[in-house]
C-alpha cells in the first residue's frame, strides 16, 4: 500500500508501575533518519527501539519523543537481616555474662540496631519495562503508518490525475505533429512556386526537404517512451510500499523526453503543450518526494 512520508502517531500506556508516552512525527527525507529523544533511563533500549521502528518505517525524517514516569522509583522494601540480628543477640548475651547485667532486649530495641532493618529501593524489571515500552512504540508506529497510508492514498489519486493530464498533452502532440508537416509542405510548395513561377518544381527535391524537416521535428520515439513511462508509473503506484526512489527515477526519464520534445518543436502549439508537459511532470516529481 502506498505511503506518504508525512505522518504522526501517539500512544500512552499507564500501569501501576509506570507511565510511557510515545510520539512519532515523520516528514520527507531521502533516507531513513531516526532521532530519538527519551529519558536516560531508557538509553539501554535505544538499539531495540531503532530496530523496532525500522519494521514500520523505511524512509523519512522521523522524530521520536518518549516520556517515562516510573511510579515505583520512590517505593522501598524493608529487609530484615537475620544474621546481623543474631550477631547482636550473641553480643548482648556475652555482655550479660561478662558484666552480670539483665538481658532485656526487645524486638523494638533490636530493630533500632544498625543494619538489622534496612530499606532497599525496588529494582526495575528490564524485561517487563521493555515489554511495556515496545508495545507502546509499536502502537504509536502503527498509528503513524495509518496516517501515512491515508496521505499516500491522497497522493496516489492526485498523481493519477496528473498522469492522465500528461497523456492528454501527449495525445495533442501526436495529433498535431503530422499537421505541422502538412503545413510545412504547403508553405514550402507555395514559396517555391512564387520563386520559380512557371518553372516546373522538382518534386524529388521538395520531397527530400520535407522528409528532412519531418525527421527533424519527429517526436514519435519521445511520445512512445512517455506513454510507457506513464504506464510504468501507474503500475508502480499500485504495486505497494517503498517505491519513492523508483518513481523519482521514472519522473526523471519523463522529464528527459519532455525536454527533447520541446527542443525539437518548431510549432507554437506543440511548444506550448511541451511546456505544459514539463510543468506537470515537475509537479509530479514534487509530489513523489512525499512518497516513502
Protein backbone atom coordinates (compact mmCIF):
# COMPACT_ATOMS: atom_id res chain seq x y z
CA UNK A 1 0.00 0.00 0.00
CA UNK A 2 1.28 3.44 -0.96
CA UNK A 3 2.60 5.51 1.95
CA UNK A 4 3.41 9.16 2.32
CA UNK A 5 6.49 10.06 4.35
CA UNK A 6 4.44 12.53 6.37
CA UNK A 7 2.73 11.07 9.42
CA UNK A 8 2.05 11.31 13.13
CA UNK A 9 1.36 8.72 15.79
CA UNK A 10 0.89 8.91 19.56
CA UNK A 11 0.21 6.31 22.21
CA UNK A 12 0.18 6.41 26.00
CA UNK A 13 0.44 3.45 28.33
CA UNK A 14 -0.38 3.75 32.04
CA UNK A 15 0.02 1.00 34.63
CA UNK A 16 0.60 0.75 38.37
CA UNK A 17 4.35 0.61 37.78
CA UNK A 18 4.88 3.25 35.08
CA UNK A 19 3.54 5.68 32.50
CA UNK A 20 5.01 5.73 29.00
CA UNK A 21 4.07 8.17 26.24
CA UNK A 22 5.41 7.83 22.69
CA UNK A 23 5.00 10.43 19.93
CA UNK A 24 6.25 9.87 16.38
CA UNK A 25 6.48 12.66 13.82
CA UNK A 26 7.65 11.88 10.27
CA UNK A 27 8.39 14.16 7.32
CA UNK A 28 10.16 13.88 3.96
CA UNK A 29 13.76 12.73 3.74
CA UNK A 30 15.87 10.98 1.16
CA UNK A 31 16.78 8.18 3.56
CA UNK A 32 15.64 6.95 6.97
CA UNK A 33 16.82 9.40 9.65
CA UNK A 34 15.70 8.40 13.14
CA UNK A 35 16.03 10.86 16.00
CA UNK A 36 15.02 9.54 19.43
CA UNK A 37 14.59 11.79 22.45
CA UNK A 38 13.98 9.97 25.72
CA UNK A 39 14.97 9.63 29.36
CA UNK A 40 18.50 8.45 30.11
CA UNK A 41 16.94 5.56 31.99
CA UNK A 42 15.72 4.18 28.66
CA UNK A 43 19.04 4.64 26.85
CA UNK A 44 19.78 0.93 27.23
CA UNK A 45 16.89 0.16 24.89
CA UNK A 46 17.84 2.53 22.04
CA UNK A 47 19.13 -0.17 19.69
CA UNK A 48 15.98 -2.20 20.21
CA UNK A 49 13.80 0.86 19.62
CA UNK A 50 15.55 1.63 16.33
CA UNK A 51 15.22 -1.97 15.13
CA UNK A 52 11.53 -1.97 16.04
CA UNK A 53 10.77 1.29 14.23
CA UNK A 54 12.51 0.10 11.05
CA UNK A 55 9.87 -2.61 10.75
CA UNK A 56 7.26 0.10 10.24
CA UNK A 57 9.13 2.99 8.60
CA UNK A 58 11.66 2.67 5.77
CA UNK A 59 12.16 6.31 4.71
CA UNK A 60 11.72 9.77 6.18
CA UNK A 61 12.97 12.13 8.85
CA UNK A 62 11.44 10.58 11.95
CA UNK A 63 11.44 12.27 15.36
CA UNK A 64 10.50 10.02 18.28
CA UNK A 65 9.68 11.51 21.68
CA UNK A 66 9.41 9.13 24.65
CA UNK A 67 8.42 10.30 28.12
CA UNK A 68 8.72 7.89 31.03
CA UNK A 69 7.44 8.11 34.58
CA UNK A 70 8.43 5.34 37.00
CA UNK A 71 5.85 5.14 39.76
CA UNK A 72 7.94 2.57 41.65
CA UNK A 73 11.18 4.54 41.85
CA UNK A 74 10.21 6.08 45.23
CA UNK A 75 8.97 2.81 46.66
CA UNK A 76 11.26 0.87 49.00
CA UNK A 77 11.14 -2.52 50.61
CA UNK A 78 12.01 -3.32 54.23
CA UNK A 79 14.59 -6.03 54.65
CA UNK A 80 15.17 -7.90 57.90
CA UNK A 81 18.79 -9.06 58.19
CA UNK A 82 18.53 -12.17 60.39
CA UNK A 83 22.25 -12.89 60.54
CA UNK A 84 23.02 -9.36 61.72
CA UNK A 85 20.29 -9.58 64.37
CA UNK A 86 21.66 -12.95 65.53
CA UNK A 87 25.15 -11.45 65.91
CA UNK A 88 23.70 -8.63 68.01
CA UNK A 89 21.89 -11.09 70.29
CA UNK A 90 25.03 -13.14 70.77
CA UNK A 91 26.91 -9.99 71.66
CA UNK A 92 24.20 -8.96 74.14
CA UNK A 93 24.30 -12.43 75.75
CA UNK A 94 28.05 -12.20 76.11
CA UNK A 95 27.69 -8.72 77.68
CA UNK A 96 25.17 -10.19 80.20
CA UNK A 97 27.65 -12.86 81.22
CA UNK A 98 30.63 -10.54 81.31
CA UNK A 99 29.03 -7.74 83.31
CA UNK A 100 26.23 -9.51 85.19
CA UNK A 101 23.57 -7.20 83.81
CA UNK A 102 19.99 -8.01 82.85
CA UNK A 103 19.37 -9.28 79.34
CA UNK A 104 16.16 -7.39 78.47
CA UNK A 105 16.42 -6.81 74.70
CA UNK A 106 13.06 -6.34 72.91
CA UNK A 107 12.23 -6.56 69.22
CA UNK A 108 11.85 -2.80 69.11
CA UNK A 109 15.26 -2.26 70.64
CA UNK A 110 16.88 -4.85 68.37
CA UNK A 111 15.30 -3.32 65.28
CA UNK A 112 16.99 0.00 66.11
CA UNK A 113 20.41 -1.59 65.87
CA UNK A 114 22.38 -0.71 62.77
CA UNK A 115 21.71 -2.84 59.68
CA UNK A 116 19.18 -5.13 61.40
CA UNK A 117 16.42 -3.42 59.39
CA UNK A 118 17.38 -1.85 56.05
CA UNK A 119 15.41 -0.10 53.33
CA UNK A 120 16.06 -1.12 49.74
CA UNK A 121 14.84 0.55 46.55
CA UNK A 122 12.89 -1.77 44.32
CA UNK A 123 14.82 -2.82 41.23
CA UNK A 124 13.37 -2.31 37.77
CA UNK A 125 12.45 -5.43 35.84
CA UNK A 126 14.10 -4.70 32.45
CA UNK A 127 12.10 -7.37 30.65
CA UNK A 128 8.79 -6.01 31.93
CA UNK A 129 9.85 -2.44 31.11
CA UNK A 130 10.85 -3.40 27.56
CA UNK A 131 7.57 -5.23 27.11
CA UNK A 132 5.61 -2.09 28.02
CA UNK A 133 7.91 0.21 26.08
CA UNK A 134 7.99 -1.87 22.88
CA UNK A 135 4.22 -2.31 22.98
CA UNK A 136 3.76 1.46 23.30
CA UNK A 137 6.21 2.16 20.46
CA UNK A 138 4.54 -0.36 18.17
CA UNK A 139 1.09 1.12 18.73
CA UNK A 140 2.39 4.66 18.11
CA UNK A 141 4.19 3.44 14.97
CA UNK A 142 1.02 1.75 13.74
CA UNK A 143 -0.93 4.98 14.17
CA UNK A 144 1.82 6.85 12.32
CA UNK A 145 1.67 4.33 9.48
CA UNK A 146 -2.12 4.72 9.31
CA UNK A 147 -1.78 8.47 8.74
CA UNK A 148 0.94 7.85 6.17
CA UNK A 149 -1.27 5.40 4.29
CA UNK A 150 -4.21 7.82 4.31
CA UNK A 151 -1.98 10.59 2.97
CA UNK A 152 -0.45 8.13 0.49
CA UNK A 153 -3.87 7.34 -0.97
CA UNK A 154 -4.49 11.06 -1.49
CA UNK A 155 -1.10 11.38 -3.21
CA UNK A 156 -1.87 8.38 -5.39
CA UNK A 157 -5.18 9.87 -6.53
CA UNK A 158 -3.54 13.21 -7.29
CA UNK A 159 -0.68 11.58 -9.20
CA UNK A 160 -3.05 9.52 -11.33
CA UNK A 161 -4.90 12.71 -12.27
CA UNK A 162 -1.63 14.41 -13.18
CA UNK A 163 -0.51 11.41 -15.23
CA UNK A 164 -3.79 11.46 -17.15
CA UNK A 165 -3.20 15.13 -17.86
CA UNK A 166 0.30 14.27 -19.15
CA UNK A 167 -1.26 11.73 -21.50
CA UNK A 168 -3.68 14.35 -22.80
CA UNK A 169 -0.70 16.57 -23.69
CA UNK A 170 0.98 13.62 -25.41
CA UNK A 171 -2.25 12.97 -27.36
CA UNK A 172 -2.29 16.56 -28.54
CA UNK A 173 1.38 16.48 -29.62
CA UNK A 174 0.91 13.22 -31.53
CA UNK A 175 -2.18 14.58 -33.25
CA UNK A 176 -0.62 17.94 -34.07
CA UNK A 177 2.77 16.70 -35.38
CA UNK A 178 1.51 15.37 -38.76
CA UNK A 179 -0.42 18.61 -39.28
CA UNK A 180 2.81 20.58 -38.79
CA UNK A 181 4.45 18.56 -41.58
CA UNK A 182 1.48 19.12 -43.89
CA UNK A 183 1.53 22.83 -43.14
CA UNK A 184 5.27 22.96 -43.82
CA UNK A 185 4.77 21.14 -47.14
CA UNK A 186 2.12 23.63 -48.20
CA UNK A 187 4.20 26.65 -47.21
CA UNK A 188 7.34 25.27 -48.87
CA UNK A 189 5.46 24.47 -52.07
CA UNK A 190 3.94 27.94 -52.14
CA UNK A 191 7.32 29.65 -51.67
CA UNK A 192 8.99 27.54 -54.35
CA UNK A 193 6.17 28.32 -56.78
CA UNK A 194 6.49 32.02 -56.02
CA UNK A 195 10.23 31.86 -56.68
CA UNK A 196 10.16 29.68 -59.79
CA UNK A 197 6.99 30.99 -61.35
CA UNK A 198 6.00 28.75 -64.28
CA UNK A 199 9.12 26.60 -63.95
CA UNK A 200 8.30 23.02 -63.08
CA UNK A 201 9.02 22.08 -59.46
CA UNK A 202 11.36 19.16 -58.88
CA UNK A 203 9.16 17.02 -56.67
CA UNK A 204 12.04 14.80 -55.54
CA UNK A 205 13.95 17.77 -54.14
CA UNK A 206 10.78 19.01 -52.48
CA UNK A 207 10.10 15.58 -51.01
CA UNK A 208 13.66 15.36 -49.68
CA UNK A 209 13.35 18.73 -47.98
CA UNK A 210 10.04 17.79 -46.42
CA UNK A 211 11.46 14.45 -45.25
CA UNK A 212 14.41 16.18 -43.60
CA UNK A 213 12.06 18.59 -41.84
CA UNK A 214 9.72 15.80 -40.74
CA UNK A 215 12.63 13.81 -39.36
CA UNK A 216 13.96 16.86 -37.52
CA UNK A 217 10.69 17.54 -35.70
CA UNK A 218 9.63 13.91 -35.28
CA UNK A 219 8.88 13.10 -31.64
CA UNK A 220 7.37 9.65 -32.13
CA UNK A 221 10.06 7.98 -30.04
CA UNK A 222 9.65 10.54 -27.27
CA UNK A 223 5.85 10.24 -27.08
CA UNK A 224 6.01 6.43 -27.16
CA UNK A 225 8.50 6.45 -24.28
CA UNK A 226 6.39 8.99 -22.40
CA UNK A 227 3.36 6.71 -22.67
CA UNK A 228 5.49 3.80 -21.47
CA UNK A 229 6.80 5.81 -18.50
CA UNK A 230 3.27 6.89 -17.56
CA UNK A 231 2.05 3.28 -17.67
CA UNK A 232 5.07 2.17 -15.63
CA UNK A 233 4.47 4.85 -13.02
CA UNK A 234 0.79 3.96 -12.69
CA UNK A 235 1.69 0.30 -12.27
CA UNK A 236 4.34 1.16 -9.69
CA UNK A 237 1.92 3.39 -7.76
CA UNK A 238 -0.43 0.42 -7.43
CA UNK A 239 2.28 -2.11 -6.60
CA UNK A 240 2.98 -1.49 -2.92
CA UNK A 241 5.42 0.03 -0.44
CA UNK A 242 8.80 1.78 -0.60
CA UNK A 243 8.55 2.89 -4.24
CA UNK A 244 9.57 6.55 -3.86
CA UNK A 245 13.05 6.14 -5.35
CA UNK A 246 11.76 4.19 -8.36
CA UNK A 247 9.06 6.78 -9.01
CA UNK A 248 11.63 9.55 -8.85
CA UNK A 249 13.75 7.77 -11.48
CA UNK A 250 10.73 7.34 -13.79
CA UNK A 251 9.86 11.03 -13.39
CA UNK A 252 13.42 11.98 -14.37
CA UNK A 253 13.08 9.90 -17.56
CA UNK A 254 9.73 11.54 -18.32
CA UNK A 255 11.32 14.95 -17.91
CA UNK A 256 14.11 13.94 -20.29
CA UNK A 257 11.60 13.02 -23.01
CA UNK A 258 9.67 16.25 -22.44
CA UNK A 259 12.88 18.28 -22.83
CA UNK A 260 13.69 16.53 -26.12
CA UNK A 261 10.15 17.11 -27.39
CA UNK A 262 10.41 20.80 -26.57
CA UNK A 263 13.82 21.15 -28.22
CA UNK A 264 12.51 19.57 -31.46
CA UNK A 265 9.41 21.71 -31.65
CA UNK A 266 9.07 24.32 -34.39
CA UNK A 267 5.36 24.82 -33.84
CA UNK A 268 3.94 27.26 -31.31
CA UNK A 269 1.07 24.98 -30.26
CA UNK A 270 3.34 21.99 -29.71
CA UNK A 271 5.81 24.21 -27.84
CA UNK A 272 3.03 25.38 -25.52
CA UNK A 273 1.95 21.80 -24.87
CA UNK A 274 5.54 20.68 -24.30
CA UNK A 275 5.96 23.45 -21.72
CA UNK A 276 2.72 22.33 -20.05
CA UNK A 277 4.07 18.79 -20.17
CA UNK A 278 7.30 19.79 -18.41
CA UNK A 279 5.37 21.80 -15.82
CA UNK A 280 3.09 18.87 -15.00
CA UNK A 281 6.00 16.43 -14.79
CA UNK A 282 7.74 18.79 -12.37
CA UNK A 283 4.60 18.81 -10.22
CA UNK A 284 4.65 15.02 -10.31
CA UNK A 285 8.29 14.98 -9.20
CA UNK A 286 7.48 17.29 -6.30
CA UNK A 287 4.65 15.03 -5.16
CA UNK A 288 6.83 11.95 -5.47
CA UNK A 289 9.23 13.45 -2.93
CA UNK A 290 6.48 12.82 -0.35
CA UNK A 291 6.26 9.09 -1.07
CA UNK A 292 8.14 6.53 1.02
